[in-house]
PDB file of all heavy atoms in Angstrom:
ATOM      1  N   LEU A   1      57.281  63.818 -21.597  1.00  0.00           N
ATOM      2  CA  LEU A   1      57.243  64.876 -20.593  1.00  0.00           C
ATOM      3  C   LEU A   1      58.420  65.826 -20.768  1.00  0.00           C
ATOM      4  O   LEU A   1      58.275  67.041 -20.686  1.00  0.00           O
ATOM      5  CB  LEU A   1      57.252  64.268 -19.187  1.00  0.00           C
ATOM      6  CG  LEU A   1      57.114  65.248 -18.035  1.00  0.00           C
ATOM      7  CD1 LEU A   1      55.793  65.992 -18.152  1.00  0.00           C
ATOM      8  CD2 LEU A   1      57.198  64.535 -16.713  1.00  0.00           C
ATOM      9  N   ARG A   2      59.610  65.264 -21.064  1.00  0.00           N
ATOM     10  CA  ARG A   2      60.776  66.107 -21.294  1.00  0.00           C
ATOM     11  C   ARG A   2      60.575  66.984 -22.521  1.00  0.00           C
ATOM     12  O   ARG A   2      60.941  68.149 -22.532  1.00  0.00           O
ATOM     13  CB  ARG A   2      62.027  65.243 -21.472  1.00  0.00           C
ATOM     14  CG  ARG A   2      62.824  65.135 -20.200  1.00  0.00           C
ATOM     15  CD  ARG A   2      64.103  64.373 -20.408  1.00  0.00           C
ATOM     16  NE  ARG A   2      63.794  62.943 -20.381  1.00  0.00           N
ATOM     17  CZ  ARG A   2      64.014  62.100 -21.373  1.00  0.00           C
ATOM     18  NH1 ARG A   2      64.549  62.507 -22.489  1.00  0.00           N
ATOM     19  NH2 ARG A   2      63.706  60.837 -21.266  1.00  0.00           N
ATOM     20  N   ALA A   3      59.990  66.430 -23.580  1.00  0.00           N
ATOM     21  CA  ALA A   3      59.753  67.196 -24.793  1.00  0.00           C
ATOM     22  C   ALA A   3      58.738  68.311 -24.536  1.00  0.00           C
ATOM     23  O   ALA A   3      58.866  69.413 -25.070  1.00  0.00           O
ATOM     24  CB  ALA A   3      59.261  66.286 -25.911  1.00  0.00           C
ATOM     25  N   LEU A   4      57.719  68.020 -23.718  1.00  0.00           N
ATOM     26  CA  LEU A   4      56.721  69.042 -23.402  1.00  0.00           C
ATOM     27  C   LEU A   4      57.314  70.155 -22.555  1.00  0.00           C
ATOM     28  O   LEU A   4      56.929  71.306 -22.668  1.00  0.00           O
ATOM     29  CB  LEU A   4      55.534  68.407 -22.686  1.00  0.00           C
ATOM     30  CG  LEU A   4      54.620  67.531 -23.542  1.00  0.00           C
ATOM     31  CD1 LEU A   4      53.607  66.834 -22.667  1.00  0.00           C
ATOM     32  CD2 LEU A   4      53.930  68.353 -24.601  1.00  0.00           C
ATOM     33  N   GLN A   5      58.258  69.808 -21.678  1.00  0.00           N
ATOM     34  CA  GLN A   5      58.866  70.815 -20.830  1.00  0.00           C
ATOM     35  C   GLN A   5      59.801  71.727 -21.615  1.00  0.00           C
ATOM     36  O   GLN A   5      59.948  72.888 -21.301  1.00  0.00           O
ATOM     37  CB  GLN A   5      59.633  70.158 -19.692  1.00  0.00           C
ATOM     38  CG  GLN A   5      58.727  69.536 -18.659  1.00  0.00           C
ATOM     39  CD  GLN A   5      59.487  68.716 -17.643  1.00  0.00           C
ATOM     40  OE1 GLN A   5      60.659  68.404 -17.845  1.00  0.00           O
ATOM     41  NE2 GLN A   5      58.818  68.363 -16.562  1.00  0.00           N
ATOM     42  N   ARG A   6      60.445  71.181 -22.665  1.00  0.00           N
ATOM     43  CA  ARG A   6      61.365  71.988 -23.451  1.00  0.00           C
ATOM     44  C   ARG A   6      60.648  73.093 -24.209  1.00  0.00           C
ATOM     45  O   ARG A   6      61.061  74.229 -24.207  1.00  0.00           O
ATOM     46  CB  ARG A   6      62.138  71.105 -24.434  1.00  0.00           C
ATOM     47  CG  ARG A   6      63.427  70.621 -23.844  1.00  0.00           C
ATOM     48  CD  ARG A   6      64.256  69.932 -24.877  1.00  0.00           C
ATOM     49  NE  ARG A   6      64.124  68.507 -24.642  1.00  0.00           N
ATOM     50  CZ  ARG A   6      64.025  67.600 -25.573  1.00  0.00           C
ATOM     51  NH1 ARG A   6      64.052  67.930 -26.825  1.00  0.00           N
ATOM     52  NH2 ARG A   6      63.900  66.328 -25.274  1.00  0.00           N
ATOM     53  N   LYS A   7      59.578  72.750 -24.893  1.00  0.00           N
ATOM     54  CA  LYS A   7      58.806  73.761 -25.601  1.00  0.00           C
ATOM     55  C   LYS A   7      57.392  73.265 -25.792  1.00  0.00           C
ATOM     56  O   LYS A   7      57.144  72.067 -25.803  1.00  0.00           O
ATOM     57  CB  LYS A   7      59.432  74.125 -26.938  1.00  0.00           C
ATOM     58  CG  LYS A   7      59.263  73.107 -28.012  1.00  0.00           C
ATOM     59  CD  LYS A   7      59.762  73.660 -29.326  1.00  0.00           C
ATOM     60  CE  LYS A   7      59.133  72.900 -30.460  1.00  0.00           C
ATOM     61  NZ  LYS A   7      59.412  73.453 -31.731  1.00  0.00           N
ATOM     62  N   ALA A   8      56.462  74.181 -25.946  1.00  0.00           N
ATOM     63  CA  ALA A   8      55.071  73.804 -26.152  1.00  0.00           C
ATOM     64  C   ALA A   8      54.916  73.217 -27.551  1.00  0.00           C
ATOM     65  O   ALA A   8      55.390  73.786 -28.531  1.00  0.00           O
ATOM     66  CB  ALA A   8      54.169  75.009 -25.978  1.00  0.00           C
ATOM     67  N   ILE A   9      54.256  72.076 -27.659  1.00  0.00           N
ATOM     68  CA  ILE A   9      54.063  71.409 -28.932  1.00  0.00           C
ATOM     69  C   ILE A   9      52.683  71.768 -29.463  1.00  0.00           C
ATOM     70  O   ILE A   9      51.684  71.558 -28.790  1.00  0.00           O
ATOM     71  CB  ILE A   9      54.197  69.883 -28.778  1.00  0.00           C
ATOM     72  CG1 ILE A   9      55.606  69.540 -28.315  1.00  0.00           C
ATOM     73  CG2 ILE A   9      53.865  69.186 -30.080  1.00  0.00           C
ATOM     74  CD1 ILE A   9      55.788  68.089 -27.982  1.00  0.00           C
ATOM     75  N   MET A  10      52.637  72.343 -30.672  1.00  0.00           N
ATOM     76  CA  MET A  10      51.363  72.629 -31.303  1.00  0.00           C
ATOM     77  C   MET A  10      50.949  71.447 -32.149  1.00  0.00           C
ATOM     78  O   MET A  10      51.785  70.792 -32.761  1.00  0.00           O
ATOM     79  CB  MET A  10      51.463  73.866 -32.193  1.00  0.00           C
ATOM     80  CG  MET A  10      51.104  75.131 -31.496  1.00  0.00           C
ATOM     81  SD  MET A  10      50.995  76.485 -32.633  1.00  0.00           S
ATOM     82  CE  MET A  10      49.511  76.089 -33.509  1.00  0.00           C
ATOM     83  N   ALA A  11      49.685  71.179 -32.179  1.00  0.00           N
ATOM     84  CA  ALA A  11      49.203  70.029 -32.929  1.00  0.00           C
ATOM     85  C   ALA A  11      49.124  70.341 -34.410  1.00  0.00           C
ATOM     86  O   ALA A  11      48.679  71.419 -34.804  1.00  0.00           O
ATOM     87  CB  ALA A  11      47.831  69.619 -32.405  1.00  0.00           C
ATOM     88  N   ARG A  12      49.561  69.408 -35.228  1.00  0.00           N
ATOM     89  CA  ARG A  12      49.408  69.443 -36.678  1.00  0.00           C
ATOM     90  C   ARG A  12      49.949  70.713 -37.322  1.00  0.00           C
ATOM     91  O   ARG A  12      49.251  71.382 -38.079  1.00  0.00           O
ATOM     92  CB  ARG A  12      47.945  69.235 -37.074  1.00  0.00           C
ATOM     93  CG  ARG A  12      47.299  68.001 -36.510  1.00  0.00           C
ATOM     94  CD  ARG A  12      48.020  66.731 -36.842  1.00  0.00           C
ATOM     95  NE  ARG A  12      48.056  66.489 -38.271  1.00  0.00           N
ATOM     96  CZ  ARG A  12      48.808  65.553 -38.839  1.00  0.00           C
ATOM     97  NH1 ARG A  12      49.577  64.796 -38.110  1.00  0.00           N
ATOM     98  NH2 ARG A  12      48.791  65.394 -40.138  1.00  0.00           N
ATOM     99  N   SER A  13      51.180  71.061 -37.007  1.00  0.00           N
ATOM    100  CA  SER A  13      51.835  72.166 -37.693  1.00  0.00           C
ATOM    101  C   SER A  13      53.276  71.767 -37.957  1.00  0.00           C
ATOM    102  O   SER A  13      53.847  70.947 -37.249  1.00  0.00           O
ATOM    103  CB  SER A  13      51.783  73.451 -36.859  1.00  0.00           C
ATOM    104  OG  SER A  13      52.536  73.297 -35.686  1.00  0.00           O
ATOM    105  N   CYS A  14      53.861  72.359 -38.986  1.00  0.00           N
ATOM    106  CA  CYS A  14      55.237  72.062 -39.354  1.00  0.00           C
ATOM    107  C   CYS A  14      56.176  72.638 -38.296  1.00  0.00           C
ATOM    108  O   CYS A  14      56.015  73.775 -37.860  1.00  0.00           O
ATOM    109  CB  CYS A  14      55.545  72.651 -40.726  1.00  0.00           C
ATOM    110  SG  CYS A  14      57.254  72.404 -41.250  1.00  0.00           S
ATOM    111  N   ALA A  15      57.165  71.841 -37.886  1.00  0.00           N
ATOM    112  CA  ALA A  15      58.099  72.285 -36.859  1.00  0.00           C
ATOM    113  C   ALA A  15      59.076  73.326 -37.389  1.00  0.00           C
ATOM    114  O   ALA A  15      59.672  74.068 -36.610  1.00  0.00           O
ATOM    115  CB  ALA A  15      58.873  71.087 -36.315  1.00  0.00           C
ATOM    116  N   ILE A  16      59.234  73.434 -38.705  1.00  0.00           N
ATOM    117  CA  ILE A  16      60.209  74.359 -39.282  1.00  0.00           C
ATOM    118  C   ILE A  16      59.550  75.665 -39.713  1.00  0.00           C
ATOM    119  O   ILE A  16      59.926  76.742 -39.265  1.00  0.00           O
ATOM    120  CB  ILE A  16      60.936  73.702 -40.467  1.00  0.00           C
ATOM    121  CG1 ILE A  16      61.714  72.484 -39.966  1.00  0.00           C
ATOM    122  CG2 ILE A  16      61.861  74.683 -41.163  1.00  0.00           C
ATOM    123  CD1 ILE A  16      62.310  71.644 -41.043  1.00  0.00           C
ATOM    124  N   CYS A  17      58.534  75.587 -40.576  1.00  0.00           N
ATOM    125  CA  CYS A  17      57.932  76.816 -41.110  1.00  0.00           C
ATOM    126  C   CYS A  17      56.636  77.201 -40.400  1.00  0.00           C
ATOM    127  O   CYS A  17      56.151  78.307 -40.569  1.00  0.00           O
ATOM    128  CB  CYS A  17      57.675  76.670 -42.605  1.00  0.00           C
ATOM    129  SG  CYS A  17      56.425  75.442 -43.031  1.00  0.00           S
ATOM    130  N   GLY A  18      56.030  76.293 -39.628  1.00  0.00           N
ATOM    131  CA  GLY A  18      54.819  76.605 -38.893  1.00  0.00           C
ATOM    132  C   GLY A  18      53.550  76.520 -39.719  1.00  0.00           C
ATOM    133  O   GLY A  18      52.521  77.052 -39.330  1.00  0.00           O
ATOM    134  N   LYS A  19      53.624  75.848 -40.874  1.00  0.00           N
ATOM    135  CA  LYS A  19      52.450  75.736 -41.742  1.00  0.00           C
ATOM    136  C   LYS A  19      51.360  74.933 -41.042  1.00  0.00           C
ATOM    137  O   LYS A  19      51.618  73.876 -40.484  1.00  0.00           O
ATOM    138  CB  LYS A  19      52.847  75.042 -43.037  1.00  0.00           C
ATOM    139  CG  LYS A  19      51.729  74.947 -44.048  1.00  0.00           C
ATOM    140  CD  LYS A  19      52.166  74.138 -45.247  1.00  0.00           C
ATOM    141  CE  LYS A  19      53.097  74.940 -46.111  1.00  0.00           C
ATOM    142  NZ  LYS A  19      53.414  74.238 -47.373  1.00  0.00           N
ATOM    143  N   THR A  20      50.117  75.446 -41.053  1.00  0.00           N
ATOM    144  CA  THR A  20      48.986  74.764 -40.434  1.00  0.00           C
ATOM    145  C   THR A  20      47.864  74.634 -41.461  1.00  0.00           C
ATOM    146  O   THR A  20      47.992  75.092 -42.592  1.00  0.00           O
ATOM    147  CB  THR A  20      48.450  75.545 -39.214  1.00  0.00           C
ATOM    148  OG1 THR A  20      48.068  76.846 -39.642  1.00  0.00           O
ATOM    149  CG2 THR A  20      49.499  75.638 -38.126  1.00  0.00           C
ATOM    150  N   SER A  21      46.765  74.039 -41.046  1.00  0.00           N
ATOM    151  CA  SER A  21      45.639  73.879 -41.959  1.00  0.00           C
ATOM    152  C   SER A  21      44.907  75.213 -42.136  1.00  0.00           C
ATOM    153  O   SER A  21      44.920  76.063 -41.250  1.00  0.00           O
ATOM    154  CB  SER A  21      44.677  72.815 -41.448  1.00  0.00           C
ATOM    155  OG  SER A  21      44.178  73.177 -40.189  1.00  0.00           O
ATOM    156  N   ILE A  22      44.270  75.371 -43.307  1.00  0.00           N
ATOM    157  CA  ILE A  22      43.526  76.590 -43.601  1.00  0.00           C
ATOM    158  C   ILE A  22      42.139  76.207 -44.076  1.00  0.00           C
ATOM    159  O   ILE A  22      41.914  75.079 -44.523  1.00  0.00           O
ATOM    160  CB  ILE A  22      44.235  77.466 -44.656  1.00  0.00           C
ATOM    161  CG1 ILE A  22      44.396  76.709 -45.969  1.00  0.00           C
ATOM    162  CG2 ILE A  22      45.559  77.977 -44.157  1.00  0.00           C
ATOM    163  CD1 ILE A  22      44.879  77.562 -47.113  1.00  0.00           C
ATOM    164  N   GLY A  23      41.213  77.117 -43.968  1.00  0.00           N
ATOM    165  CA  GLY A  23      39.849  76.866 -44.409  1.00  0.00           C
ATOM    166  C   GLY A  23      39.650  77.287 -45.847  1.00  0.00           C
ATOM    167  O   GLY A  23      40.342  78.152 -46.366  1.00  0.00           O
ATOM    168  N   GLY A  24      38.692  76.649 -46.491  1.00  0.00           N
ATOM    169  CA  GLY A  24      38.393  76.990 -47.872  1.00  0.00           C
ATOM    170  C   GLY A  24      37.035  76.454 -48.264  1.00  0.00           C
ATOM    171  O   GLY A  24      36.219  76.112 -47.407  1.00  0.00           O
ATOM    172  N   PHE A  25      36.795  76.371 -49.552  1.00  0.00           N
ATOM    173  CA  PHE A  25      35.519  75.900 -50.061  1.00  0.00           C
ATOM    174  C   PHE A  25      35.741  74.799 -51.085  1.00  0.00           C
ATOM    175  O   PHE A  25      36.703  74.830 -51.846  1.00  0.00           O
ATOM    176  CB  PHE A  25      34.735  77.038 -50.731  1.00  0.00           C
ATOM    177  CG  PHE A  25      34.357  78.133 -49.792  1.00  0.00           C
ATOM    178  CD1 PHE A  25      35.083  79.311 -49.751  1.00  0.00           C
ATOM    179  CD2 PHE A  25      33.273  77.991 -48.950  1.00  0.00           C
ATOM    180  CE1 PHE A  25      34.740  80.317 -48.888  1.00  0.00           C
ATOM    181  CE2 PHE A  25      32.914  78.996 -48.081  1.00  0.00           C
ATOM    182  CZ  PHE A  25      33.646  80.165 -48.054  1.00  0.00           C
ATOM    183  N   ASN A  26      34.821  73.816 -51.104  1.00  0.00           N
ATOM    184  CA  ASN A  26      34.815  72.796 -52.142  1.00  0.00           C
ATOM    185  C   ASN A  26      34.161  73.385 -53.383  1.00  0.00           C
ATOM    186  O   ASN A  26      33.093  73.985 -53.290  1.00  0.00           O
ATOM    187  CB  ASN A  26      33.985  71.590 -51.694  1.00  0.00           C
ATOM    188  CG  ASN A  26      34.830  70.484 -51.144  1.00  0.00           C
ATOM    189  OD1 ASN A  26      36.033  70.462 -51.347  1.00  0.00           O
ATOM    190  ND2 ASN A  26      34.208  69.568 -50.450  1.00  0.00           N
ATOM    191  N   PRO A  27      34.766  73.210 -54.548  1.00  0.00           N
ATOM    192  CA  PRO A  27      34.101  73.706 -55.754  1.00  0.00           C
ATOM    193  C   PRO A  27      32.893  72.839 -56.094  1.00  0.00           C
ATOM    194  O   PRO A  27      33.001  71.618 -56.151  1.00  0.00           O
ATOM    195  CB  PRO A  27      35.183  73.600 -56.824  1.00  0.00           C
ATOM    196  CG  PRO A  27      36.129  72.588 -56.314  1.00  0.00           C
ATOM    197  CD  PRO A  27      36.073  72.650 -54.819  1.00  0.00           C
ATOM    198  N   GLN A  28      31.756  73.459 -56.287  1.00  0.00           N
ATOM    199  CA  GLN A  28      30.539  72.733 -56.634  1.00  0.00           C
ATOM    200  C   GLN A  28      30.307  72.881 -58.129  1.00  0.00           C
ATOM    201  O   GLN A  28      30.233  73.999 -58.647  1.00  0.00           O
ATOM    202  CB  GLN A  28      29.339  73.298 -55.862  1.00  0.00           C
ATOM    203  CG  GLN A  28      29.507  73.210 -54.362  1.00  0.00           C
ATOM    204  CD  GLN A  28      29.519  71.781 -53.861  1.00  0.00           C
ATOM    205  OE1 GLN A  28      28.676  70.996 -54.250  1.00  0.00           O
ATOM    206  NE2 GLN A  28      30.474  71.445 -53.037  1.00  0.00           N
ATOM    207  N   SER A  29      30.195  71.776 -58.832  1.00  0.00           N
ATOM    208  CA  SER A  29      30.130  71.846 -60.289  1.00  0.00           C
ATOM    209  C   SER A  29      28.717  71.730 -60.837  1.00  0.00           C
ATOM    210  O   SER A  29      28.502  71.978 -62.013  1.00  0.00           O
ATOM    211  CB  SER A  29      30.989  70.740 -60.892  1.00  0.00           C
ATOM    212  OG  SER A  29      30.532  69.487 -60.431  1.00  0.00           O
ATOM    213  N   SER A  30      27.763  71.336 -60.012  1.00  0.00           N
ATOM    214  CA  SER A  30      26.422  71.137 -60.555  1.00  0.00           C
ATOM    215  C   SER A  30      25.446  72.104 -59.907  1.00  0.00           C
ATOM    216  O   SER A  30      25.643  72.535 -58.770  1.00  0.00           O
ATOM    217  CB  SER A  30      25.956  69.701 -60.307  1.00  0.00           C
ATOM    218  OG  SER A  30      25.861  69.469 -58.928  1.00  0.00           O
ATOM    219  N   GLY A  31      24.383  72.443 -60.627  1.00  0.00           N
ATOM    220  CA  GLY A  31      23.346  73.308 -60.065  1.00  0.00           C
ATOM    221  C   GLY A  31      23.527  74.755 -60.473  1.00  0.00           C
ATOM    222  O   GLY A  31      24.601  75.185 -60.880  1.00  0.00           O
ATOM    223  N   MET A  32      22.464  75.502 -60.332  1.00  0.00           N
ATOM    224  CA  MET A  32      22.489  76.908 -60.729  1.00  0.00           C
ATOM    225  C   MET A  32      23.082  77.806 -59.639  1.00  0.00           C
ATOM    226  O   MET A  32      23.728  78.799 -59.933  1.00  0.00           O
ATOM    227  CB  MET A  32      21.059  77.384 -61.025  1.00  0.00           C
ATOM    228  CG  MET A  32      20.512  76.888 -62.324  1.00  0.00           C
ATOM    229  SD  MET A  32      21.188  77.764 -63.714  1.00  0.00           S
ATOM    230  CE  MET A  32      20.324  79.302 -63.582  1.00  0.00           C
ATOM    231  N   ASN A  33      22.864  77.473 -58.361  1.00  0.00           N
ATOM    232  CA  ASN A  33      23.235  78.389 -57.293  1.00  0.00           C
ATOM    233  C   ASN A  33      24.687  78.284 -56.867  1.00  0.00           C
ATOM    234  O   ASN A  33      25.179  79.145 -56.155  1.00  0.00           O
ATOM    235  CB  ASN A  33      22.332  78.172 -56.074  1.00  0.00           C
ATOM    236  CG  ASN A  33      20.936  78.675 -56.333  1.00  0.00           C
ATOM    237  OD1 ASN A  33      20.752  79.528 -57.179  1.00  0.00           O
ATOM    238  ND2 ASN A  33      19.970  78.145 -55.619  1.00  0.00           N
ATOM    239  N   ARG A  34      25.388  77.254 -57.258  1.00  0.00           N
ATOM    240  CA  ARG A  34      26.803  77.072 -56.911  1.00  0.00           C
ATOM    241  C   ARG A  34      27.025  77.197 -55.403  1.00  0.00           C
ATOM    242  O   ARG A  34      27.732  78.097 -54.935  1.00  0.00           O
ATOM    243  CB  ARG A  34      27.688  78.073 -57.636  1.00  0.00           C
ATOM    244  CG  ARG A  34      27.561  78.038 -59.126  1.00  0.00           C
ATOM    245  CD  ARG A  34      28.555  77.065 -59.694  1.00  0.00           C
ATOM    246  NE  ARG A  34      28.618  77.219 -61.135  1.00  0.00           N
ATOM    247  CZ  ARG A  34      28.378  76.232 -61.969  1.00  0.00           C
ATOM    248  NH1 ARG A  34      28.049  75.056 -61.510  1.00  0.00           N
ATOM    249  NH2 ARG A  34      28.460  76.411 -63.254  1.00  0.00           N
ATOM    250  N   VAL A  35      26.387  76.342 -54.638  1.00  0.00           N
ATOM    251  CA  VAL A  35      26.517  76.357 -53.187  1.00  0.00           C
ATOM    252  C   VAL A  35      27.941  75.963 -52.824  1.00  0.00           C
ATOM    253  O   VAL A  35      28.461  74.971 -53.307  1.00  0.00           O
ATOM    254  CB  VAL A  35      25.511  75.380 -52.539  1.00  0.00           C
ATOM    255  CG1 VAL A  35      25.677  75.355 -51.046  1.00  0.00           C
ATOM    256  CG2 VAL A  35      24.103  75.769 -52.916  1.00  0.00           C
TER     257      VAL A  35
END
């Protein structure tokens, strides 16, 4: 509770640089359409 009152805690981000998750695509190696 004390930690929450001091500052808002964001989930799953770096406390120093603020790096978070990003979206992307899985490379598909088989097939003609490359989904």
